[in-house]
Every structure is written in structure tokens, then in C-alpha cells.
Amino acid sequence: MNENQKKPDYIIDNSVPEQFGDSIVSVFYDGANFRIEVGVTRLDQLGGGSSTMHPITRLVLPMPAANDLHRKLTGLFGQLEEQGVLKRAAQGPGGGAPDRTN
């Protein structure tokens, strides 16, 4: 959206369900969109100690929306690091993803 365009009004719709996921199963870029699959771990109800991963949502974001998500998450992670909630892990082969301190 360029600077001359007005942002659309946001309509609150409480009927949209909230999804809980405890894992990002996959992230894929197809050349136009980011495709993100979110999963949830469910423990064996019989107490066997095993668990299964179930997909709960598949989110498709075009590049501008993915870039906006990246910018907002980067800012939020920066604030959490300043507050001491997260600390940046040592940079290794996997990068420097923040870790929770508690």
C-alpha cells in the first residue's frame, strides 16, 4: 500500500475463532506467497507417553503481508529482549533466534 492510500477500516468480528498452535510445522515460499502450517501436539490420552502432531491451520500470506508480519514480530521481539523476557541466543549455524529466559 503506498503512502497516499488510506488504510481500510478494521471491523471487529468476534465470531472469528482463535486458533492455538504450539509449533510451526512448515514454512514455504512458492514465489508469490508464504505458506505457513501451524500444528498442535496432542498427548496420548491413555498415558502411554506418546504424542502426535496435528495441523490446525494453514496460513497463506502474500509478500507484503509476510513483510508486515516480519516487521511487527521483529519490533515485538526487540521489546521483549529489552524487558528481559527473551535473550538472543549465540549465533550459530541456525542463526540467533531469541530464547525465553524463564
N, C-alpha and C. Protein backbone atom coordinates (compact mmCIF):
# COMPACT_ATOMS: atom_id res chain seq x y z
N MET A 1 0.86 -1.17 0.00
CA MET A 1 0.00 0.00 0.00
C MET A 1 0.90 1.23 0.00
N ASN A 2 0.68 2.15 -0.95
CA ASN A 2 1.52 3.33 -0.96
C ASN A 2 1.01 4.33 0.07
N GLU A 3 1.82 5.35 0.33
CA GLU A 3 1.52 6.30 1.41
C GLU A 3 0.28 7.13 1.15
N ASN A 4 -0.15 7.27 -0.10
CA ASN A 4 -1.32 8.07 -0.43
C ASN A 4 -2.63 7.32 -0.22
N GLN A 5 -2.56 6.00 -0.08
CA GLN A 5 -3.77 5.21 0.10
C GLN A 5 -4.16 5.18 1.57
N LYS A 6 -5.45 5.33 1.82
CA LYS A 6 -5.96 5.26 3.19
C LYS A 6 -6.07 3.79 3.59
N LYS A 7 -5.65 3.48 4.83
CA LYS A 7 -5.81 2.11 5.32
C LYS A 7 -7.29 1.80 5.45
N PRO A 8 -7.69 0.58 5.11
CA PRO A 8 -9.11 0.24 5.27
C PRO A 8 -9.51 0.23 6.75
N ASP A 9 -10.76 0.52 7.02
CA ASP A 9 -11.26 0.45 8.38
C ASP A 9 -11.24 -1.00 8.85
N TYR A 10 -10.87 -1.22 10.09
CA TYR A 10 -10.82 -2.56 10.66
C TYR A 10 -12.15 -2.83 11.35
N ILE A 11 -12.78 -3.92 11.00
CA ILE A 11 -14.06 -4.32 11.58
C ILE A 11 -13.81 -5.47 12.56
N ILE A 12 -14.17 -5.29 13.80
CA ILE A 12 -14.01 -6.34 14.80
C ILE A 12 -15.12 -7.37 14.61
N ASP A 13 -14.73 -8.63 14.48
CA ASP A 13 -15.69 -9.71 14.28
C ASP A 13 -15.38 -10.81 15.30
N ASN A 14 -16.12 -10.82 16.39
CA ASN A 14 -15.88 -11.78 17.46
C ASN A 14 -16.27 -13.21 17.10
N SER A 15 -16.87 -13.41 15.93
CA SER A 15 -17.23 -14.77 15.53
C SER A 15 -16.05 -15.51 14.90
N VAL A 16 -14.95 -14.80 14.60
CA VAL A 16 -13.77 -15.46 14.03
C VAL A 16 -13.08 -16.23 15.15
N PRO A 17 -12.93 -17.55 15.00
CA PRO A 17 -12.34 -18.33 16.09
C PRO A 17 -10.83 -18.11 16.22
N GLU A 18 -10.35 -18.20 17.44
CA GLU A 18 -8.92 -18.14 17.71
C GLU A 18 -8.36 -19.54 17.58
N GLN A 19 -7.18 -19.66 16.99
CA GLN A 19 -6.54 -20.96 16.82
C GLN A 19 -5.32 -21.02 17.74
N PHE A 20 -5.12 -22.13 18.42
CA PHE A 20 -3.93 -22.33 19.25
C PHE A 20 -3.03 -23.35 18.57
N GLY A 21 -1.80 -22.99 18.40
CA GLY A 21 -0.79 -23.91 17.88
C GLY A 21 0.45 -23.82 18.73
N ASP A 22 1.13 -24.92 18.91
CA ASP A 22 2.36 -24.89 19.69
C ASP A 22 3.60 -25.16 18.85
N SER A 23 3.41 -25.21 17.51
CA SER A 23 4.54 -25.49 16.64
C SER A 23 4.28 -24.96 15.24
N ILE A 24 5.33 -24.41 14.63
CA ILE A 24 5.27 -24.09 13.21
C ILE A 24 5.80 -25.33 12.50
N VAL A 25 4.92 -26.02 11.80
CA VAL A 25 5.27 -27.28 11.16
C VAL A 25 6.12 -27.04 9.92
N SER A 26 5.71 -26.06 9.10
CA SER A 26 6.47 -25.79 7.89
C SER A 26 6.24 -24.35 7.44
N VAL A 27 7.24 -23.82 6.75
CA VAL A 27 7.14 -22.52 6.10
C VAL A 27 7.72 -22.71 4.70
N PHE A 28 6.97 -22.30 3.70
CA PHE A 28 7.37 -22.50 2.32
C PHE A 28 7.04 -21.24 1.54
N TYR A 29 7.95 -20.82 0.66
CA TYR A 29 7.70 -19.68 -0.23
C TYR A 29 7.58 -20.22 -1.64
N ASP A 30 6.44 -19.96 -2.28
CA ASP A 30 6.19 -20.51 -3.61
C ASP A 30 6.50 -19.54 -4.75
N GLY A 31 7.15 -18.44 -4.43
CA GLY A 31 7.47 -17.44 -5.44
C GLY A 31 6.54 -16.24 -5.40
N ALA A 32 5.40 -16.39 -4.74
CA ALA A 32 4.44 -15.29 -4.59
C ALA A 32 3.91 -15.17 -3.18
N ASN A 33 3.75 -16.32 -2.51
CA ASN A 33 3.14 -16.35 -1.18
C ASN A 33 3.97 -17.20 -0.22
N PHE A 34 3.90 -16.83 1.05
CA PHE A 34 4.45 -17.67 2.10
C PHE A 34 3.32 -18.57 2.58
N ARG A 35 3.61 -19.84 2.70
CA ARG A 35 2.63 -20.82 3.17
C ARG A 35 3.14 -21.38 4.50
N ILE A 36 2.37 -21.13 5.54
CA ILE A 36 2.78 -21.48 6.90
C ILE A 36 1.77 -22.47 7.45
N GLU A 37 2.27 -23.62 7.90
CA GLU A 37 1.39 -24.61 8.53
C GLU A 37 1.68 -24.62 10.03
N VAL A 38 0.62 -24.47 10.82
CA VAL A 38 0.72 -24.44 12.27
C VAL A 38 0.12 -25.74 12.81
N GLY A 39 0.80 -26.33 13.79
CA GLY A 39 0.33 -27.58 14.37
C GLY A 39 0.19 -27.50 15.87
N VAL A 40 -0.44 -28.50 16.41
CA VAL A 40 -0.59 -28.63 17.86
C VAL A 40 -0.22 -30.06 18.25
N THR A 41 0.48 -30.19 19.35
CA THR A 41 0.87 -31.50 19.87
C THR A 41 -0.21 -32.00 20.81
N ARG A 42 -0.62 -33.24 20.60
CA ARG A 42 -1.60 -33.86 21.49
C ARG A 42 -0.98 -35.09 22.12
N LEU A 43 -1.10 -35.16 23.44
CA LEU A 43 -0.55 -36.29 24.18
C LEU A 43 -1.50 -37.47 24.11
N ASP A 44 -0.94 -38.66 24.19
CA ASP A 44 -1.72 -39.90 24.19
C ASP A 44 -2.65 -39.88 25.40
N GLN A 45 -3.94 -40.02 25.17
CA GLN A 45 -4.93 -39.98 26.24
C GLN A 45 -4.87 -41.20 27.16
N LEU A 46 -4.23 -42.27 26.69
CA LEU A 46 -4.15 -43.48 27.51
C LEU A 46 -2.92 -43.49 28.41
N GLY A 47 -2.14 -42.40 28.36
CA GLY A 47 -0.99 -42.30 29.25
C GLY A 47 0.21 -43.09 28.79
N GLY A 48 0.29 -43.42 27.53
CA GLY A 48 1.42 -44.19 27.02
C GLY A 48 2.69 -43.38 26.83
N GLY A 49 2.61 -42.05 27.01
CA GLY A 49 3.78 -41.21 26.86
C GLY A 49 4.05 -40.76 25.44
N SER A 50 3.26 -41.22 24.48
CA SER A 50 3.48 -40.80 23.10
C SER A 50 2.64 -39.56 22.80
N SER A 51 2.97 -38.90 21.72
CA SER A 51 2.22 -37.74 21.31
C SER A 51 2.12 -37.72 19.79
N THR A 52 1.18 -36.93 19.30
CA THR A 52 1.01 -36.78 17.86
C THR A 52 0.90 -35.29 17.54
N MET A 53 1.34 -34.94 16.32
CA MET A 53 1.24 -33.56 15.85
C MET A 53 0.08 -33.48 14.86
N HIS A 54 -0.79 -32.50 15.06
CA HIS A 54 -1.96 -32.31 14.21
C HIS A 54 -1.93 -30.92 13.60
N PRO A 55 -2.19 -30.79 12.29
CA PRO A 55 -2.30 -29.46 11.71
C PRO A 55 -3.57 -28.77 12.21
N ILE A 56 -3.47 -27.49 12.54
CA ILE A 56 -4.66 -26.78 12.98
C ILE A 56 -5.02 -25.62 12.06
N THR A 57 -4.03 -25.11 11.32
CA THR A 57 -4.33 -24.08 10.34
C THR A 57 -3.21 -23.97 9.32
N ARG A 58 -3.57 -23.57 8.13
CA ARG A 58 -2.60 -23.30 7.07
C ARG A 58 -2.82 -21.86 6.65
N LEU A 59 -1.81 -21.04 6.89
CA LEU A 59 -1.89 -19.61 6.64
C LEU A 59 -1.10 -19.29 5.37
N VAL A 60 -1.72 -18.58 4.44
CA VAL A 60 -1.07 -18.17 3.21
C VAL A 60 -1.00 -16.65 3.21
N LEU A 61 0.24 -16.12 3.14
CA LEU A 61 0.45 -14.68 3.17
C LEU A 61 1.19 -14.22 1.92
N PRO A 62 0.65 -13.25 1.19
CA PRO A 62 1.41 -12.68 0.09
C PRO A 62 2.60 -11.89 0.65
N MET A 63 3.59 -11.63 -0.18
CA MET A 63 4.82 -10.98 0.25
C MET A 63 4.59 -9.72 1.10
N PRO A 64 3.71 -8.79 0.71
CA PRO A 64 3.53 -7.60 1.55
C PRO A 64 3.03 -7.92 2.96
N ALA A 65 2.13 -8.88 3.08
CA ALA A 65 1.63 -9.26 4.40
C ALA A 65 2.71 -9.97 5.21
N ALA A 66 3.49 -10.84 4.56
CA ALA A 66 4.58 -11.54 5.25
C ALA A 66 5.64 -10.53 5.71
N ASN A 67 5.91 -9.53 4.89
CA ASN A 67 6.87 -8.50 5.26
C ASN A 67 6.36 -7.70 6.46
N ASP A 68 5.07 -7.39 6.48
CA ASP A 68 4.47 -6.69 7.61
C ASP A 68 4.56 -7.54 8.88
N LEU A 69 4.29 -8.85 8.77
CA LEU A 69 4.41 -9.75 9.92
C LEU A 69 5.85 -9.77 10.43
N HIS A 70 6.81 -9.85 9.52
CA HIS A 70 8.23 -9.85 9.90
C HIS A 70 8.59 -8.57 10.64
N ARG A 71 8.16 -7.43 10.12
CA ARG A 71 8.47 -6.14 10.74
C ARG A 71 7.86 -6.05 12.14
N LYS A 72 6.61 -6.48 12.28
CA LYS A 72 5.94 -6.40 13.57
C LYS A 72 6.54 -7.38 14.58
N LEU A 73 6.86 -8.59 14.15
CA LEU A 73 7.49 -9.56 15.06
C LEU A 73 8.88 -9.11 15.48
N THR A 74 9.64 -8.53 14.53
CA THR A 74 10.98 -8.03 14.86
C THR A 74 10.89 -6.95 15.94
N GLY A 75 9.94 -6.04 15.79
CA GLY A 75 9.75 -5.00 16.80
C GLY A 75 9.32 -5.56 18.14
N LEU A 76 8.42 -6.53 18.12
CA LEU A 76 7.94 -7.14 19.36
C LEU A 76 9.06 -7.92 20.05
N PHE A 77 9.84 -8.69 19.28
CA PHE A 77 10.95 -9.43 19.88
C PHE A 77 11.98 -8.46 20.46
N GLY A 78 12.22 -7.34 19.79
CA GLY A 78 13.14 -6.33 20.32
C GLY A 78 12.66 -5.79 21.66
N GLN A 79 11.36 -5.51 21.77
CA GLN A 79 10.81 -5.02 23.03
C GLN A 79 10.93 -6.07 24.13
N LEU A 80 10.66 -7.33 23.80
CA LEU A 80 10.76 -8.41 24.80
C LEU A 80 12.20 -8.61 25.25
N GLU A 81 13.16 -8.44 24.34
CA GLU A 81 14.57 -8.53 24.72
C GLU A 81 14.94 -7.40 25.66
N GLU A 82 14.48 -6.18 25.36
CA GLU A 82 14.75 -5.03 26.23
C GLU A 82 14.18 -5.23 27.62
N GLN A 83 13.03 -5.88 27.72
CA GLN A 83 12.38 -6.13 29.00
C GLN A 83 12.98 -7.33 29.74
N GLY A 84 13.87 -8.06 29.08
CA GLY A 84 14.49 -9.22 29.71
C GLY A 84 13.66 -10.49 29.64
N VAL A 85 12.56 -10.46 28.91
CA VAL A 85 11.71 -11.65 28.77
C VAL A 85 12.39 -12.66 27.86
N LEU A 86 13.08 -12.17 26.82
CA LEU A 86 13.83 -13.01 25.89
C LEU A 86 15.28 -12.58 25.88
N LYS A 87 16.16 -13.52 25.58
CA LYS A 87 17.55 -13.16 25.34
C LYS A 87 17.96 -13.81 24.02
N ARG A 88 18.80 -13.12 23.28
CA ARG A 88 19.22 -13.61 21.97
C ARG A 88 20.25 -14.72 22.19
N ALA A 89 20.01 -15.86 21.52
CA ALA A 89 20.92 -17.00 21.60
C ALA A 89 22.20 -16.66 20.84
N ALA A 90 23.29 -17.33 21.19
CA ALA A 90 24.54 -17.15 20.48
C ALA A 90 24.35 -17.53 19.02
N GLN A 91 24.94 -16.74 18.12
CA GLN A 91 24.80 -17.00 16.69
C GLN A 91 25.55 -18.25 16.32
N GLY A 92 24.84 -19.20 15.77
CA GLY A 92 25.45 -20.43 15.31
C GLY A 92 24.95 -20.71 13.90
N PRO A 93 25.03 -21.94 13.47
CA PRO A 93 24.57 -22.29 12.12
C PRO A 93 23.09 -21.97 11.90
N GLY A 94 22.28 -22.07 12.97
CA GLY A 94 20.85 -21.85 12.82
C GLY A 94 20.44 -20.40 12.98
N GLY A 95 21.37 -19.49 13.21
CA GLY A 95 21.02 -18.08 13.40
C GLY A 95 20.86 -17.76 14.86
N GLY A 96 20.37 -16.58 15.14
CA GLY A 96 20.27 -16.10 16.51
C GLY A 96 18.84 -15.91 16.96
N ALA A 97 18.05 -16.94 16.94
CA ALA A 97 16.66 -16.82 17.37
C ALA A 97 16.61 -16.58 18.86
N PRO A 98 15.73 -15.66 19.30
CA PRO A 98 15.61 -15.37 20.73
C PRO A 98 15.09 -16.59 21.49
N ASP A 99 15.53 -16.71 22.74
CA ASP A 99 15.06 -17.76 23.64
C ASP A 99 14.41 -17.11 24.84
N ARG A 100 13.40 -17.77 25.41
CA ARG A 100 12.79 -17.29 26.64
C ARG A 100 13.79 -17.44 27.77
N THR A 101 13.83 -16.45 28.67
CA THR A 101 14.73 -16.55 29.81
C THR A 101 14.12 -17.30 30.97
N ASN A 102 12.81 -17.40 31.02
CA ASN A 102 12.17 -18.14 32.11
C ASN A 102 11.06 -18.99 31.59
